[in-house]
Amino acid sequence: MTIPPGGSDDGGSAVEPARLVCARCGLSVAAPQLTWTCSVEHGTRRHFCERCSRENLRSIEGRLDSDWW
């Protein structure tokens, strides 16, 4: 395989990362945050901000769906 003159062979622009939105309070951030929590509930990935994660830590550890928080 050869790379065409000019560098990259992807032929397009870089993909912009999707914004993350807290499933509880609606806070939106441009990039993934280390302090956020990710949960899969009923096959759907949900993200929770640091504040919502801290406020509901016992429910998260108890594996309760966020509907019960």
Protein backbone atom coordinates (compact mmCIF):
# COMPACT_ATOMS: atom_id res chain seq x y z
CA MET A 1 0.00 0.00 0.00
CA THR A 2 1.32 3.43 -0.83
CA ILE A 3 0.47 6.79 0.61
CA PRO A 4 -0.48 9.46 -1.93
CA PRO A 5 1.57 12.66 -2.13
CA GLY A 6 0.48 15.11 0.52
CA GLY A 7 0.46 12.75 3.48
CA SER A 8 -2.74 11.14 4.65
CA ASP A 9 -4.79 8.59 2.76
CA ASP A 10 -8.03 9.08 4.71
CA GLY A 11 -9.39 11.53 2.15
CA GLY A 12 -11.47 13.52 4.62
CA SER A 13 -11.38 15.83 7.56
CA ALA A 14 -10.89 14.72 11.13
CA VAL A 15 -14.00 13.46 12.91
CA GLU A 16 -15.12 15.81 15.66
CA PRO A 17 -15.81 14.02 18.98
CA ALA A 18 -19.43 13.95 20.13
CA ARG A 19 -20.43 16.11 23.09
CA LEU A 20 -21.24 14.33 26.33
CA VAL A 21 -24.44 15.24 28.14
CA CYS A 22 -25.21 14.27 31.74
CA ALA A 23 -28.28 12.03 31.71
CA ARG A 24 -29.38 13.44 35.08
CA CYS A 25 -28.87 17.23 35.03
CA GLY A 26 -28.17 17.93 31.34
CA LEU A 27 -24.67 19.41 31.77
CA SER A 28 -22.86 19.29 28.42
CA VAL A 29 -19.10 19.07 27.80
CA ALA A 30 -17.08 18.92 24.59
CA ALA A 31 -14.69 16.13 25.58
CA PRO A 32 -14.80 13.08 27.87
CA GLN A 33 -14.03 13.94 31.49
CA LEU A 34 -12.09 11.68 33.86
CA THR A 35 -14.46 12.40 36.73
CA TRP A 36 -17.65 11.44 34.88
CA THR A 37 -19.38 8.07 35.27
CA CYS A 38 -20.58 5.90 32.39
CA SER A 39 -23.41 3.42 32.89
CA VAL A 40 -25.18 0.99 30.54
CA GLU A 41 -28.87 0.70 31.39
CA HIS A 42 -31.24 -1.39 29.26
CA GLY A 43 -28.62 -1.46 26.50
CA THR A 44 -28.20 2.33 26.41
CA ARG A 45 -24.98 4.08 27.45
CA ARG A 46 -25.60 6.97 29.84
CA HIS A 47 -23.08 9.47 31.21
CA PHE A 48 -23.29 11.29 34.54
CA CYS A 49 -21.32 14.38 35.57
CA GLU A 50 -19.12 14.46 38.65
CA ARG A 51 -21.74 16.22 40.81
CA CYS A 52 -24.56 13.80 39.93
CA SER A 53 -22.23 10.82 40.37
CA ARG A 54 -21.15 11.98 43.83
CA GLU A 55 -24.72 12.75 44.95
CA ASN A 56 -25.90 9.26 43.94
CA LEU A 57 -22.81 7.18 44.75
CA ARG A 58 -24.62 4.67 47.00
CA SER A 59 -27.27 4.00 44.35
CA ILE A 60 -24.58 3.56 41.69
CA GLU A 61 -22.65 1.10 43.87
CA GLY A 62 -25.92 -0.73 44.59
CA ARG A 63 -26.39 -1.06 40.82
CA LEU A 64 -29.76 0.68 40.86
CA ASP A 65 -30.92 2.07 37.52
CA SER A 66 -30.85 5.87 37.45
CA ASP A 67 -34.67 5.85 37.26
CA TRP A 68 -34.63 4.88 40.98
CA TRP A 69 -32.28 7.65 42.11
